Full PDB file with SEQRES, HELIX, SHEET, SSBOND, CRYST1, ORIGX, SCALE, CONECT and MASTER records, all heavy atoms in Angstrom:
SEQRES   1 A   31  SER CYS PHE TYR HIS ALA TYR LEU GLY THR ASP HIS LEU          
SEQRES   2 A   31  LYS ASP LEU VAL THR GLY VAL LYS ALA LEU GLY TYR SER          
SEQRES   3 A   31  PHE VAL SER ALA ASP                                          
HELIX    1 AA1 ALA A    6  LEU A    8  5                                   3    
HELIX    2 AA2 ASP A   11  ALA A   22  1                                  12    
CRYST1    1.000    1.000    1.000  90.00  90.00  90.00 P 1           1          
ORIGX1      1.000000  0.000000  0.000000        0.00000                         
ORIGX2      0.000000  1.000000  0.000000        0.00000                         
ORIGX3      0.000000  0.000000  1.000000        0.00000                         
SCALE1      1.000000  0.000000  0.000000        0.00000                         
SCALE2      0.000000  1.000000  0.000000        0.00000                         
SCALE3      0.000000  0.000000  1.000000        0.00000                         
ATOM      1  N   SER A   1       4.589   6.243   4.682  1.00  0.00           N  
ATOM      2  CA  SER A   1       4.275   6.727   3.383  1.00  0.00           C  
ATOM      3  C   SER A   1       5.235   6.077   2.360  1.00  0.00           C  
ATOM      4  O   SER A   1       6.447   6.227   2.465  1.00  0.00           O  
ATOM      5  CB  SER A   1       4.373   8.238   3.319  1.00  0.00           C  
ATOM      6  OG  SER A   1       4.067   8.712   2.028  1.00  0.00           O  
ATOM      7  N   CYS A   2       4.649   5.397   1.341  1.00  0.00           N  
ATOM      8  CA  CYS A   2       5.493   4.683   0.386  1.00  0.00           C  
ATOM      9  C   CYS A   2       5.081   5.034  -1.023  1.00  0.00           C  
ATOM     10  O   CYS A   2       4.089   5.775  -1.247  1.00  0.00           O  
ATOM     11  CB  CYS A   2       5.390   3.172   0.595  1.00  0.00           C  
ATOM     12  SG  CYS A   2       3.688   2.535   0.384  1.00  0.00           S  
ATOM     13  N   PHE A   3       5.770   4.541  -1.999  1.00  0.00           N  
ATOM     14  CA  PHE A   3       5.351   4.685  -3.429  1.00  0.00           C  
ATOM     15  C   PHE A   3       5.502   3.360  -4.140  1.00  0.00           C  
ATOM     16  O   PHE A   3       6.208   2.443  -3.702  1.00  0.00           O  
ATOM     17  CB  PHE A   3       6.083   5.821  -4.125  1.00  0.00           C  
ATOM     18  CG  PHE A   3       7.561   5.688  -4.229  1.00  0.00           C  
ATOM     19  CD1 PHE A   3       8.110   5.163  -5.406  1.00  0.00           C  
ATOM     20  CD2 PHE A   3       8.416   6.145  -3.225  1.00  0.00           C  
ATOM     21  CE1 PHE A   3       9.484   5.050  -5.552  1.00  0.00           C  
ATOM     22  CE2 PHE A   3       9.797   6.012  -3.356  1.00  0.00           C  
ATOM     23  CZ  PHE A   3      10.315   5.500  -4.553  1.00  0.00           C  
ATOM     24  N   TYR A   4       4.831   3.253  -5.300  1.00  0.00           N  
ATOM     25  CA  TYR A   4       4.770   1.997  -6.009  1.00  0.00           C  
ATOM     26  C   TYR A   4       4.668   2.242  -7.485  1.00  0.00           C  
ATOM     27  O   TYR A   4       4.019   3.198  -7.917  1.00  0.00           O  
ATOM     28  CB  TYR A   4       3.498   1.226  -5.489  1.00  0.00           C  
ATOM     29  CG  TYR A   4       3.393  -0.191  -5.973  1.00  0.00           C  
ATOM     30  CD1 TYR A   4       4.032  -1.230  -5.320  1.00  0.00           C  
ATOM     31  CD2 TYR A   4       2.643  -0.520  -7.119  1.00  0.00           C  
ATOM     32  CE1 TYR A   4       3.911  -2.575  -5.773  1.00  0.00           C  
ATOM     33  CE2 TYR A   4       2.509  -1.813  -7.573  1.00  0.00           C  
ATOM     34  CZ  TYR A   4       3.168  -2.832  -6.870  1.00  0.00           C  
ATOM     35  OH  TYR A   4       3.060  -4.129  -7.322  1.00  0.00           O  
ATOM     36  N   HIS A   5       5.326   1.351  -8.277  1.00  0.00           N  
ATOM     37  CA  HIS A   5       5.245   1.475  -9.701  1.00  0.00           C  
ATOM     38  C   HIS A   5       4.159   0.570 -10.270  1.00  0.00           C  
ATOM     39  O   HIS A   5       4.197  -0.665 -10.026  1.00  0.00           O  
ATOM     40  CB  HIS A   5       6.617   1.128 -10.326  1.00  0.00           C  
ATOM     41  CG  HIS A   5       7.669   2.173 -10.034  1.00  0.00           C  
ATOM     42  ND1 HIS A   5       8.521   2.024  -8.930  1.00  0.00           N  
ATOM     43  CD2 HIS A   5       7.972   3.326 -10.638  1.00  0.00           C  
ATOM     44  CE1 HIS A   5       9.337   3.106  -8.907  1.00  0.00           C  
ATOM     45  NE2 HIS A   5       9.032   3.897  -9.914  1.00  0.00           N  
ATOM     46  N   ALA A   6       3.299   1.088 -11.081  1.00  0.00           N  
ATOM     47  CA  ALA A   6       2.158   0.324 -11.603  1.00  0.00           C  
ATOM     48  C   ALA A   6       2.618  -0.806 -12.473  1.00  0.00           C  
ATOM     49  O   ALA A   6       1.911  -1.836 -12.580  1.00  0.00           O  
ATOM     50  CB  ALA A   6       1.227   1.291 -12.365  1.00  0.00           C  
ATOM     51  N   TYR A   7       3.744  -0.686 -13.135  1.00  0.00           N  
ATOM     52  CA  TYR A   7       4.221  -1.780 -14.029  1.00  0.00           C  
ATOM     53  C   TYR A   7       4.601  -3.062 -13.259  1.00  0.00           C  
ATOM     54  O   TYR A   7       4.787  -4.105 -13.886  1.00  0.00           O  
ATOM     55  CB  TYR A   7       5.353  -1.314 -14.917  1.00  0.00           C  
ATOM     56  CG  TYR A   7       6.619  -0.810 -14.196  1.00  0.00           C  
ATOM     57  CD1 TYR A   7       7.455  -1.658 -13.566  1.00  0.00           C  
ATOM     58  CD2 TYR A   7       6.873   0.544 -14.223  1.00  0.00           C  
ATOM     59  CE1 TYR A   7       8.608  -1.190 -12.902  1.00  0.00           C  
ATOM     60  CE2 TYR A   7       7.987   1.024 -13.551  1.00  0.00           C  
ATOM     61  CZ  TYR A   7       8.842   0.156 -12.900  1.00  0.00           C  
ATOM     62  OH  TYR A   7       9.992   0.641 -12.253  1.00  0.00           O  
ATOM     63  N   LEU A   8       4.675  -2.982 -11.983  1.00  0.00           N  
ATOM     64  CA  LEU A   8       4.968  -4.196 -11.158  1.00  0.00           C  
ATOM     65  C   LEU A   8       3.680  -5.073 -10.994  1.00  0.00           C  
ATOM     66  O   LEU A   8       3.799  -6.210 -10.459  1.00  0.00           O  
ATOM     67  CB  LEU A   8       5.491  -3.770  -9.774  1.00  0.00           C  
ATOM     68  CG  LEU A   8       6.826  -3.134  -9.741  1.00  0.00           C  
ATOM     69  CD1 LEU A   8       7.151  -2.679  -8.299  1.00  0.00           C  
ATOM     70  CD2 LEU A   8       7.918  -4.093 -10.218  1.00  0.00           C  
ATOM     71  N   GLY A   9       2.539  -4.617 -11.455  1.00  0.00           N  
ATOM     72  CA  GLY A   9       1.318  -5.378 -11.240  1.00  0.00           C  
ATOM     73  C   GLY A   9       0.749  -5.144  -9.868  1.00  0.00           C  
ATOM     74  O   GLY A   9       1.143  -4.263  -9.124  1.00  0.00           O  
ATOM     75  N   THR A  10      -0.216  -5.988  -9.463  1.00  0.00           N  
ATOM     76  CA  THR A  10      -0.922  -5.768  -8.169  1.00  0.00           C  
ATOM     77  C   THR A  10      -0.562  -6.727  -7.072  1.00  0.00           C  
ATOM     78  O   THR A  10      -0.976  -6.550  -5.963  1.00  0.00           O  
ATOM     79  CB  THR A  10      -2.411  -5.742  -8.404  1.00  0.00           C  
ATOM     80  OG1 THR A  10      -2.807  -7.003  -9.003  1.00  0.00           O  
ATOM     81  CG2 THR A  10      -2.828  -4.586  -9.330  1.00  0.00           C  
ATOM     82  N   ASP A  11       0.202  -7.793  -7.413  1.00  0.00           N  
ATOM     83  CA  ASP A  11       0.472  -8.800  -6.394  1.00  0.00           C  
ATOM     84  C   ASP A  11       1.264  -8.190  -5.214  1.00  0.00           C  
ATOM     85  O   ASP A  11       0.886  -8.349  -4.041  1.00  0.00           O  
ATOM     86  CB  ASP A  11       1.209  -9.983  -6.982  1.00  0.00           C  
ATOM     87  CG  ASP A  11       0.344 -10.872  -7.839  1.00  0.00           C  
ATOM     88  OD1 ASP A  11      -0.883 -10.703  -7.769  1.00  0.00           O  
ATOM     89  OD2 ASP A  11       0.857 -11.730  -8.603  1.00  0.00           O  
ATOM     90  N   HIS A  12       2.346  -7.513  -5.548  1.00  0.00           N  
ATOM     91  CA  HIS A  12       3.137  -6.860  -4.472  1.00  0.00           C  
ATOM     92  C   HIS A  12       2.354  -5.782  -3.770  1.00  0.00           C  
ATOM     93  O   HIS A  12       2.429  -5.593  -2.543  1.00  0.00           O  
ATOM     94  CB  HIS A  12       4.421  -6.266  -5.040  1.00  0.00           C  
ATOM     95  CG  HIS A  12       5.452  -7.265  -5.449  1.00  0.00           C  
ATOM     96  ND1 HIS A  12       5.833  -8.290  -4.616  1.00  0.00           N  
ATOM     97  CD2 HIS A  12       6.178  -7.401  -6.569  1.00  0.00           C  
ATOM     98  CE1 HIS A  12       6.731  -9.038  -5.241  1.00  0.00           C  
ATOM     99  NE2 HIS A  12       6.984  -8.493  -6.425  1.00  0.00           N  
ATOM    100  N   LEU A  13       1.506  -5.069  -4.582  1.00  0.00           N  
ATOM    101  CA  LEU A  13       0.693  -4.013  -4.011  1.00  0.00           C  
ATOM    102  C   LEU A  13      -0.282  -4.543  -2.947  1.00  0.00           C  
ATOM    103  O   LEU A  13      -0.492  -3.967  -1.889  1.00  0.00           O  
ATOM    104  CB  LEU A  13      -0.056  -3.296  -5.126  1.00  0.00           C  
ATOM    105  CG  LEU A  13      -0.950  -2.104  -4.743  1.00  0.00           C  
ATOM    106  CD1 LEU A  13      -0.068  -1.007  -4.125  1.00  0.00           C  
ATOM    107  CD2 LEU A  13      -1.687  -1.585  -5.955  1.00  0.00           C  
ATOM    108  N   LYS A  14      -0.902  -5.693  -3.280  1.00  0.00           N  
ATOM    109  CA  LYS A  14      -1.815  -6.318  -2.303  1.00  0.00           C  
ATOM    110  C   LYS A  14      -1.111  -6.729  -1.021  1.00  0.00           C  
ATOM    111  O   LYS A  14      -1.632  -6.454   0.105  1.00  0.00           O  
ATOM    112  CB  LYS A  14      -2.456  -7.531  -2.963  1.00  0.00           C  
ATOM    113  CG  LYS A  14      -3.387  -7.227  -4.120  1.00  0.00           C  
ATOM    114  CD  LYS A  14      -3.890  -8.504  -4.801  1.00  0.00           C  
ATOM    115  CE  LYS A  14      -4.825  -8.135  -5.998  1.00  0.00           C  
ATOM    116  NZ  LYS A  14      -5.266  -9.364  -6.706  1.00  0.00           N  
ATOM    117  N   ASP A  15       0.091  -7.274  -1.140  1.00  0.00           N  
ATOM    118  CA  ASP A  15       0.828  -7.661   0.088  1.00  0.00           C  
ATOM    119  C   ASP A  15       1.153  -6.393   0.872  1.00  0.00           C  
ATOM    120  O   ASP A  15       1.094  -6.380   2.141  1.00  0.00           O  
ATOM    121  CB  ASP A  15       2.143  -8.355  -0.297  1.00  0.00           C  
ATOM    122  CG  ASP A  15       1.889  -9.739  -0.911  1.00  0.00           C  
ATOM    123  OD1 ASP A  15       0.821 -10.261  -0.715  1.00  0.00           O  
ATOM    124  OD2 ASP A  15       2.808 -10.256  -1.595  1.00  0.00           O  
ATOM    125  N   LEU A  16       1.567  -5.348   0.209  1.00  0.00           N  
ATOM    126  CA  LEU A  16       1.921  -4.083   0.851  1.00  0.00           C  
ATOM    127  C   LEU A  16       0.770  -3.457   1.611  1.00  0.00           C  
ATOM    128  O   LEU A  16       0.894  -3.162   2.819  1.00  0.00           O  
ATOM    129  CB  LEU A  16       2.486  -3.138  -0.187  1.00  0.00           C  
ATOM    130  CG  LEU A  16       2.930  -1.769   0.251  1.00  0.00           C  
ATOM    131  CD1 LEU A  16       4.062  -1.844   1.349  1.00  0.00           C  
ATOM    132  CD2 LEU A  16       3.434  -0.954  -0.906  1.00  0.00           C  
ATOM    133  N   VAL A  17      -0.353  -3.285   0.957  1.00  0.00           N  
ATOM    134  CA  VAL A  17      -1.491  -2.634   1.560  1.00  0.00           C  
ATOM    135  C   VAL A  17      -2.014  -3.435   2.726  1.00  0.00           C  
ATOM    136  O   VAL A  17      -2.322  -2.920   3.808  1.00  0.00           O  
ATOM    137  CB  VAL A  17      -2.551  -2.382   0.518  1.00  0.00           C  
ATOM    138  CG1 VAL A  17      -3.876  -1.933   1.143  1.00  0.00           C  
ATOM    139  CG2 VAL A  17      -2.135  -1.296  -0.507  1.00  0.00           C  
ATOM    140  N   THR A  18      -2.146  -4.758   2.512  1.00  0.00           N  
ATOM    141  CA  THR A  18      -2.643  -5.630   3.560  1.00  0.00           C  
ATOM    142  C   THR A  18      -1.729  -5.621   4.812  1.00  0.00           C  
ATOM    143  O   THR A  18      -2.209  -5.516   5.939  1.00  0.00           O  
ATOM    144  CB  THR A  18      -2.730  -7.092   3.049  1.00  0.00           C  
ATOM    145  OG1 THR A  18      -3.615  -7.120   1.930  1.00  0.00           O  
ATOM    146  CG2 THR A  18      -3.266  -8.036   4.115  1.00  0.00           C  
ATOM    147  N   GLY A  19      -0.413  -5.650   4.571  1.00  0.00           N  
ATOM    148  CA  GLY A  19       0.521  -5.643   5.688  1.00  0.00           C  
ATOM    149  C   GLY A  19       0.517  -4.370   6.461  1.00  0.00           C  
ATOM    150  O   GLY A  19       0.578  -4.374   7.729  1.00  0.00           O  
ATOM    151  N   VAL A  20       0.423  -3.275   5.759  1.00  0.00           N  
ATOM    152  CA  VAL A  20       0.441  -1.947   6.468  1.00  0.00           C  
ATOM    153  C   VAL A  20      -0.847  -1.755   7.250  1.00  0.00           C  
ATOM    154  O   VAL A  20      -0.866  -1.253   8.357  1.00  0.00           O  
ATOM    155  CB  VAL A  20       0.654  -0.800   5.443  1.00  0.00           C  
ATOM    156  CG1 VAL A  20       0.463   0.575   6.117  1.00  0.00           C  
ATOM    157  CG2 VAL A  20       2.060  -0.910   4.852  1.00  0.00           C  
ATOM    158  N   LYS A  21      -1.979  -2.141   6.663  1.00  0.00           N  
ATOM    159  CA  LYS A  21      -3.273  -2.065   7.362  1.00  0.00           C  
ATOM    160  C   LYS A  21      -3.267  -2.932   8.677  1.00  0.00           C  
ATOM    161  O   LYS A  21      -3.776  -2.498   9.695  1.00  0.00           O  
ATOM    162  CB  LYS A  21      -4.406  -2.519   6.496  1.00  0.00           C  
ATOM    163  CG  LYS A  21      -4.881  -1.460   5.534  1.00  0.00           C  
ATOM    164  CD  LYS A  21      -6.116  -2.000   4.778  1.00  0.00           C  
ATOM    165  CE  LYS A  21      -6.783  -0.929   3.893  1.00  0.00           C  
ATOM    166  NZ  LYS A  21      -7.997  -1.432   3.249  1.00  0.00           N  
ATOM    167  N   ALA A  22      -2.590  -4.092   8.578  1.00  0.00           N  
ATOM    168  CA  ALA A  22      -2.566  -4.991   9.691  1.00  0.00           C  
ATOM    169  C   ALA A  22      -1.834  -4.414  10.919  1.00  0.00           C  
ATOM    170  O   ALA A  22      -2.041  -4.815  12.056  1.00  0.00           O  
ATOM    171  CB  ALA A  22      -1.923  -6.339   9.295  1.00  0.00           C  
ATOM    172  N   LEU A  23      -0.935  -3.450  10.638  1.00  0.00           N  
ATOM    173  CA  LEU A  23      -0.214  -2.809  11.718  1.00  0.00           C  
ATOM    174  C   LEU A  23      -1.065  -1.761  12.437  1.00  0.00           C  
ATOM    175  O   LEU A  23      -0.634  -1.220  13.463  1.00  0.00           O  
ATOM    176  CB  LEU A  23       1.044  -2.127  11.168  1.00  0.00           C  
ATOM    177  CG  LEU A  23       2.153  -3.069  10.598  1.00  0.00           C  
ATOM    178  CD1 LEU A  23       3.245  -2.260   9.925  1.00  0.00           C  
ATOM    179  CD2 LEU A  23       2.706  -3.949  11.666  1.00  0.00           C  
ATOM    180  N   GLY A  24      -2.198  -1.430  11.935  1.00  0.00           N  
ATOM    181  CA  GLY A  24      -3.081  -0.458  12.560  1.00  0.00           C  
ATOM    182  C   GLY A  24      -3.090   0.901  11.839  1.00  0.00           C  
ATOM    183  O   GLY A  24      -3.679   1.874  12.324  1.00  0.00           O  
ATOM    184  N   TYR A  25      -2.404   1.022  10.711  1.00  0.00           N  
ATOM    185  CA  TYR A  25      -2.394   2.244   9.973  1.00  0.00           C  
ATOM    186  C   TYR A  25      -3.719   2.412   9.221  1.00  0.00           C  
ATOM    187  O   TYR A  25      -4.311   1.442   8.721  1.00  0.00           O  
ATOM    188  CB  TYR A  25      -1.265   2.272   8.961  1.00  0.00           C  
ATOM    189  CG  TYR A  25       0.106   2.535   9.549  1.00  0.00           C  
ATOM    190  CD1 TYR A  25       0.943   1.469   9.873  1.00  0.00           C  
ATOM    191  CD2 TYR A  25       0.594   3.860   9.693  1.00  0.00           C  
ATOM    192  CE1 TYR A  25       2.245   1.690  10.425  1.00  0.00           C  
ATOM    193  CE2 TYR A  25       1.852   4.101  10.220  1.00  0.00           C  
ATOM    194  CZ  TYR A  25       2.680   2.994  10.554  1.00  0.00           C  
ATOM    195  OH  TYR A  25       3.945   3.203  11.049  1.00  0.00           O  
ATOM    196  N   SER A  26      -4.113   3.690   9.029  1.00  0.00           N  
ATOM    197  CA  SER A  26      -5.269   4.025   8.194  1.00  0.00           C  
ATOM    198  C   SER A  26      -4.795   4.815   6.980  1.00  0.00           C  
ATOM    199  O   SER A  26      -4.106   5.823   7.142  1.00  0.00           O  
ATOM    200  CB  SER A  26      -6.265   4.867   8.985  1.00  0.00           C  
ATOM    201  OG  SER A  26      -6.774   4.220  10.070  1.00  0.00           O  
ATOM    202  N   PHE A  27      -5.086   4.346   5.792  1.00  0.00           N  
ATOM    203  CA  PHE A  27      -4.671   5.033   4.621  1.00  0.00           C  
ATOM    204  C   PHE A  27      -5.496   6.337   4.404  1.00  0.00           C  
ATOM    205  O   PHE A  27      -6.712   6.344   4.549  1.00  0.00           O  
ATOM    206  CB  PHE A  27      -4.814   4.153   3.389  1.00  0.00           C  
ATOM    207  CG  PHE A  27      -3.699   3.194   3.187  1.00  0.00           C  
ATOM    208  CD1 PHE A  27      -3.726   1.931   3.731  1.00  0.00           C  
ATOM    209  CD2 PHE A  27      -2.537   3.592   2.448  1.00  0.00           C  
ATOM    210  CE1 PHE A  27      -2.672   1.066   3.544  1.00  0.00           C  
ATOM    211  CE2 PHE A  27      -1.499   2.692   2.290  1.00  0.00           C  
ATOM    212  CZ  PHE A  27      -1.525   1.431   2.826  1.00  0.00           C  
ATOM    213  N   VAL A  28      -4.764   7.408   4.102  1.00  0.00           N  
ATOM    214  CA  VAL A  28      -5.397   8.711   3.892  1.00  0.00           C  
ATOM    215  C   VAL A  28      -4.811   9.349   2.627  1.00  0.00           C  
ATOM    216  O   VAL A  28      -3.824   8.903   2.063  1.00  0.00           O  
ATOM    217  CB  VAL A  28      -5.172   9.629   5.109  1.00  0.00           C  
ATOM    218  CG1 VAL A  28      -5.761   9.079   6.362  1.00  0.00           C  
ATOM    219  CG2 VAL A  28      -3.695   9.918   5.295  1.00  0.00           C  
ATOM    220  N   SER A  29      -5.465  10.395   2.156  1.00  0.00           N  
ATOM    221  CA  SER A  29      -4.980  11.069   0.959  1.00  0.00           C  
ATOM    222  C   SER A  29      -3.904  12.123   1.330  1.00  0.00           C  
ATOM    223  O   SER A  29      -3.797  12.529   2.513  1.00  0.00           O  
ATOM    224  CB  SER A  29      -6.175  11.814   0.310  1.00  0.00           C  
ATOM    225  OG  SER A  29      -6.639  12.842   1.140  1.00  0.00           O  
ATOM    226  N   ALA A  30      -3.195  12.581   0.344  1.00  0.00           N  
ATOM    227  CA  ALA A  30      -2.226  13.672   0.577  1.00  0.00           C  
ATOM    228  C   ALA A  30      -2.946  14.911   1.084  1.00  0.00           C  
ATOM    229  O   ALA A  30      -2.400  15.628   1.941  1.00  0.00           O  
ATOM    230  CB  ALA A  30      -1.505  13.942  -0.732  1.00  0.00           C  
ATOM    231  N   ASP A  31      -4.121  15.207   0.531  1.00  0.00           N  
ATOM    232  CA  ASP A  31      -4.874  16.393   0.987  1.00  0.00           C  
ATOM    233  C   ASP A  31      -5.240  16.296   2.458  1.00  0.00           C  
ATOM    234  O   ASP A  31      -5.216  17.329   3.183  1.00  0.00           O  
ATOM    235  CB  ASP A  31      -6.137  16.513   0.194  1.00  0.00           C  
ATOM    236  CG  ASP A  31      -5.897  17.170  -1.171  1.00  0.00           C  
ATOM    237  OD1 ASP A  31      -4.838  17.812  -1.334  1.00  0.00           O  
ATOM    238  OD2 ASP A  31      -6.730  17.024  -2.073  1.00  0.00           O  
TER     239      ASP A  31                                                      
MASTER        0    0    0    2    0    0    0    6  238    1    0    3          
END                                                                             
């Protein structure tokens, strides 16, 4: 579980989401 600042843009966000998914994690909501 991580957090991200929107003012950083989406390039780092894309790397982050892609890399975590590649490990076999499934993104879910807090609920």
